[in-house]
Amino acid sequence: MLSNILWIIGAYLYGAVPVVYLIGRLRGVDLSKEEDMHISLWRKVGRVEGFFGILWDVVKGAIAVLVVDRGFHLEDWVVAGVGVAVILGEMWSVFLKLRGEKSNTTGMGMAAALVYQAIPFILVPIVIGAGIRTIPRFFRRGQSMDERMELGGPPSLSLPLGMFFGFALFPLGCWVMDAGWWRIGAGIALFALIVTKRLTDGLTEDIKKEGLKAGILVNRMLFDRSHI
């Protein structure tokens, strides 16, 4: 029992290691105050570093689950706990004074390793949202290759909305695939954590400026920003 708890604690610490932030620091850029470390790493440091940072965060979520599930064949509750702990570590890193990322990329990796059969439930809405957001901008005439390859671009509504529905549908996918209640519960926890991070990240500043309004909370939950 104690060893299983240690696995979960270790998963939190592993998830909390701020690799994207450290890459930025190695290149002389402090990403700790940035709204999105991945976009800022891509834009302010370089595409190679930005691509590696995104790839690492996806793989990070998958590795932790695969090690305890396929490597050590631990019980489902431990596998679920490790998956959730990695997300908690990235969102509220002890190494960054409980700051961190919103874990969309790590969440996708964690979900794929947790119940790979259910991954279409999460990917289809995200791909649709990304396509609506990116394809018209990518093929707009009169752009240089640098402009086409710019990660982020103008604020998007479709991509964060696609992510919202993708993570919301993932627990349903786990249930359809008969993944077991512990894994279904981990899927529900993943969605709840992503919504919680959206709602709370920087909320104090919004309340100071204009008070707590229902519209702000709805926009944060669905579109990952206070105003649209």
Protein backbone atom coordinates (compact mmCIF):
# COMPACT_ATOMS: atom_id res chain seq x y z
CA MET A 1 0.00 0.00 0.00
CA LEU A 2 2.78 2.44 0.98
CA SER A 3 4.70 1.72 -2.22
CA ASN A 4 1.58 2.50 -4.27
CA ILE A 5 1.17 5.84 -2.51
CA LEU A 6 4.83 6.58 -3.21
CA TRP A 7 4.19 5.91 -6.91
CA ILE A 8 1.47 8.57 -6.88
CA ILE A 9 3.62 11.09 -4.98
CA GLY A 10 6.49 10.41 -7.36
CA ALA A 11 4.16 10.97 -10.32
CA TYR A 12 3.22 14.39 -8.96
CA LEU A 13 6.89 15.38 -8.59
CA TYR A 14 7.67 14.03 -12.04
CA GLY A 15 4.80 16.04 -13.54
CA ALA A 16 5.91 19.11 -11.61
CA VAL A 17 9.37 19.25 -13.20
CA PRO A 18 8.98 22.35 -15.45
CA VAL A 19 10.85 21.19 -18.53
CA VAL A 20 9.37 23.87 -20.81
CA TYR A 21 10.30 26.57 -18.29
CA LEU A 22 13.82 25.14 -17.95
CA ILE A 23 14.35 25.13 -21.72
CA GLY A 24 13.44 28.81 -21.73
CA ARG A 25 15.82 29.57 -18.87
CA LEU A 26 18.65 27.78 -20.68
CA ARG A 27 18.05 30.18 -23.58
CA GLY A 28 17.85 33.21 -21.27
CA VAL A 29 14.05 33.60 -21.34
CA ASP A 30 11.89 33.55 -18.20
CA LEU A 31 8.56 31.89 -19.07
CA SER A 32 7.18 31.73 -15.54
CA LYS A 33 4.87 34.74 -16.01
CA GLU A 34 3.70 33.84 -19.51
CA GLU A 35 0.07 32.96 -20.11
CA ASP A 36 1.05 29.98 -22.28
CA MET A 37 4.59 28.65 -21.90
CA HIS A 38 4.41 26.53 -25.06
CA ILE A 39 3.46 29.42 -27.32
CA SER A 40 6.00 31.70 -25.65
CA LEU A 41 8.76 29.08 -25.97
CA TRP A 42 7.96 28.69 -29.68
CA ARG A 43 7.86 32.43 -30.33
CA LYS A 44 10.56 33.78 -28.03
CA VAL A 45 13.10 30.94 -28.09
CA GLY A 46 12.63 28.95 -31.29
CA ARG A 47 10.56 26.42 -33.19
CA VAL A 48 12.82 23.48 -32.41
CA GLU A 49 12.67 24.17 -28.69
CA GLY A 50 8.94 24.88 -28.92
CA PHE A 51 8.24 21.63 -30.76
CA PHE A 52 10.33 19.67 -28.25
CA GLY A 53 8.48 21.30 -25.35
CA ILE A 54 5.09 20.34 -26.77
CA LEU A 55 6.24 16.81 -27.61
CA TRP A 56 7.73 16.34 -24.16
CA ASP A 57 4.55 17.35 -22.37
CA VAL A 58 2.46 14.93 -24.44
CA VAL A 59 4.92 12.09 -23.87
CA LYS A 60 5.26 12.97 -20.18
CA GLY A 61 1.60 12.23 -19.49
CA ALA A 62 1.79 8.93 -21.35
CA ILE A 63 5.05 7.69 -19.82
CA ALA A 64 3.89 7.88 -16.22
CA VAL A 65 0.74 5.86 -16.90
CA LEU A 66 2.50 3.30 -19.10
CA VAL A 67 5.23 2.65 -16.54
CA VAL A 68 2.81 1.67 -13.77
CA ASP A 69 0.24 0.05 -16.08
CA ARG A 70 2.22 -1.87 -18.69
CA GLY A 71 5.58 -1.90 -16.95
CA PHE A 72 4.73 -2.86 -13.37
CA HIS A 73 1.11 -4.01 -13.91
CA LEU A 74 -0.14 -2.20 -10.83
CA GLU A 75 -3.78 -2.04 -9.81
CA ASP A 76 -6.19 0.23 -11.65
CA TRP A 77 -6.54 2.63 -8.74
CA VAL A 78 -2.78 3.20 -8.74
CA VAL A 79 -2.73 3.70 -12.52
CA ALA A 80 -5.58 6.21 -12.23
CA GLY A 81 -3.92 7.97 -9.29
CA VAL A 82 -0.60 8.27 -11.13
CA GLY A 83 -2.32 9.73 -14.20
CA VAL A 84 -4.17 12.35 -12.16
CA ALA A 85 -1.04 13.14 -10.10
CA VAL A 86 0.99 13.96 -13.21
CA ILE A 87 -1.67 16.46 -14.26
CA LEU A 88 -1.73 18.00 -10.79
CA GLY A 89 2.05 18.34 -10.88
CA GLU A 90 2.07 20.17 -14.17
CA MET A 91 -0.82 22.47 -13.23
CA TRP A 92 0.44 23.36 -9.75
CA SER A 93 4.17 22.72 -9.75
CA VAL A 94 5.91 22.79 -6.40
CA PHE A 95 9.01 23.95 -8.31
CA LEU A 96 7.23 27.05 -9.66
CA LYS A 97 5.48 28.19 -6.47
CA LEU A 98 2.33 26.26 -7.48
CA ARG A 99 2.15 27.89 -10.89
CA GLY A 100 2.10 25.80 -14.02
CA GLU A 101 0.57 24.95 -17.36
CA LYS A 102 -3.06 24.14 -18.17
CA SER A 103 -2.14 20.55 -19.11
CA ASN A 104 -4.01 20.19 -22.38
CA THR A 105 -1.03 18.50 -24.02
CA THR A 106 -0.08 16.39 -21.01
CA GLY A 107 -3.75 15.54 -20.55
CA MET A 108 -3.93 14.13 -24.08
CA GLY A 109 -0.87 11.97 -23.46
CA MET A 110 -2.21 10.77 -20.13
CA ALA A 111 -5.61 9.99 -21.68
CA ALA A 112 -4.09 8.05 -24.58
CA ALA A 113 -2.09 5.85 -22.23
CA LEU A 114 -4.97 5.43 -19.77
CA VAL A 115 -7.55 4.18 -22.30
CA TYR A 116 -6.18 4.34 -25.83
CA GLN A 117 -9.42 2.94 -27.30
CA ALA A 118 -11.25 6.07 -26.13
CA ILE A 119 -8.82 8.56 -27.63
CA PRO A 120 -11.07 9.33 -30.67
CA PHE A 121 -13.59 10.83 -28.23
CA ILE A 122 -10.99 13.39 -27.19
CA LEU A 123 -9.20 13.88 -30.51
CA VAL A 124 -12.13 14.47 -32.88
CA PRO A 125 -13.42 17.67 -31.17
CA ILE A 126 -9.86 18.95 -30.74
CA VAL A 127 -8.94 18.31 -34.38
CA ILE A 128 -12.15 19.99 -35.55
CA GLY A 129 -11.47 22.98 -33.30
CA ALA A 130 -7.85 23.19 -34.44
CA GLY A 131 -8.88 22.94 -38.09
CA ILE A 132 -11.46 25.71 -37.84
CA ARG A 133 -8.90 27.85 -36.08
CA THR A 134 -5.76 27.10 -38.09
CA ILE A 135 -6.51 26.05 -41.69
CA PRO A 136 -7.92 29.41 -42.92
CA ARG A 137 -5.05 31.29 -41.29
CA PHE A 138 -2.42 28.91 -42.67
CA PHE A 139 -3.62 29.21 -46.27
CA ARG A 140 -4.23 32.97 -46.23
CA ARG A 141 -2.47 34.60 -49.16
CA GLY A 142 0.36 37.04 -48.85
CA GLN A 143 2.01 35.41 -45.83
CA SER A 144 5.63 34.45 -45.38
CA MET A 145 6.52 30.98 -44.15
CA ASP A 146 7.39 32.47 -40.76
CA GLU A 147 3.88 33.89 -40.49
CA ARG A 148 2.31 30.58 -41.52
CA MET A 149 4.36 28.68 -38.95
CA GLU A 150 3.66 31.08 -36.10
CA LEU A 151 2.25 29.09 -33.19
CA GLY A 152 -0.64 30.75 -31.47
CA GLY A 153 -1.72 33.58 -33.74
CA PRO A 154 -4.88 35.59 -33.09
CA PRO A 155 -7.09 34.50 -30.18
CA SER A 156 -9.17 31.44 -31.01
CA LEU A 157 -12.59 30.32 -29.81
CA SER A 158 -12.85 27.03 -31.68
CA LEU A 159 -9.67 25.38 -30.35
CA PRO A 160 -10.30 25.87 -26.60
CA LEU A 161 -13.96 24.92 -27.17
CA GLY A 162 -12.85 21.79 -28.99
CA MET A 163 -10.55 20.92 -26.10
CA PHE A 164 -13.38 21.48 -23.62
CA PHE A 165 -15.66 19.04 -25.44
CA GLY A 166 -12.82 16.59 -26.08
CA PHE A 167 -11.91 16.26 -22.42
CA ALA A 168 -15.62 16.26 -21.49
CA LEU A 169 -16.31 13.33 -23.83
CA PHE A 170 -13.27 11.30 -22.81
CA PRO A 171 -14.89 9.79 -19.67
CA LEU A 172 -17.85 8.77 -21.85
CA GLY A 173 -15.40 7.08 -24.19
CA CYS A 174 -13.84 5.24 -21.26
CA TRP A 175 -17.30 4.02 -20.23
CA VAL A 176 -18.22 2.95 -23.77
CA MET A 177 -14.97 1.00 -23.99
CA ASP A 178 -15.70 -0.65 -20.63
CA ALA A 179 -12.42 0.61 -19.18
CA GLY A 180 -13.35 0.13 -15.53
CA TRP A 181 -14.52 2.62 -12.93
CA TRP A 182 -11.07 3.69 -11.76
CA ARG A 183 -10.06 4.73 -15.28
CA ILE A 184 -13.43 6.34 -15.92
CA GLY A 185 -12.97 8.25 -12.66
CA ALA A 186 -9.50 9.38 -13.76
CA GLY A 187 -11.05 10.68 -16.99
CA ILE A 188 -13.64 12.61 -15.02
CA ALA A 189 -10.92 13.99 -12.75
CA LEU A 190 -8.86 15.05 -15.79
CA PHE A 191 -11.79 17.03 -17.18
CA ALA A 192 -12.57 18.55 -13.77
CA LEU A 193 -8.96 19.65 -13.28
CA ILE A 194 -8.73 21.26 -16.72
CA VAL A 195 -11.96 23.19 -16.07
CA THR A 196 -10.74 24.17 -12.59
CA LYS A 197 -7.45 25.47 -13.98
CA ARG A 198 -9.28 27.48 -16.63
CA LEU A 199 -11.60 29.00 -14.05
CA THR A 200 -8.97 29.87 -11.46
CA ASP A 201 -5.80 30.80 -13.39
CA GLY A 202 -5.46 34.56 -13.05
CA LEU A 203 -9.00 34.91 -11.67
CA THR A 204 -7.84 37.07 -8.75
CA GLU A 205 -6.71 39.79 -11.15
CA ASP A 206 -10.07 39.71 -12.94
CA ILE A 207 -11.97 40.02 -9.68
CA LYS A 208 -9.84 43.01 -8.65
CA LYS A 209 -10.55 44.76 -11.95
CA GLU A 210 -14.28 44.18 -12.38
CA GLY A 211 -15.60 41.82 -9.73
CA LEU A 212 -16.74 38.22 -10.10
CA LYS A 213 -19.20 37.96 -13.00
CA ALA A 214 -20.97 34.90 -14.37
CA GLY A 215 -20.00 35.84 -17.92
CA ILE A 216 -16.32 35.79 -17.03
CA LEU A 217 -16.62 32.29 -15.56
CA VAL A 218 -18.52 30.96 -18.57
CA ASN A 219 -15.96 32.43 -20.99
CA ARG A 220 -13.12 31.01 -18.94
CA MET A 221 -14.68 27.55 -18.82
CA LEU A 222 -15.58 27.28 -22.51
CA PHE A 223 -13.05 29.52 -24.25
CA ASP A 224 -10.16 29.68 -21.75
CA ARG A 225 -10.28 33.49 -21.53
CA SER A 226 -12.25 36.03 -19.56
CA HIS A 227 -13.52 38.05 -22.53
CA ILE A 228 -14.35 37.09 -26.12
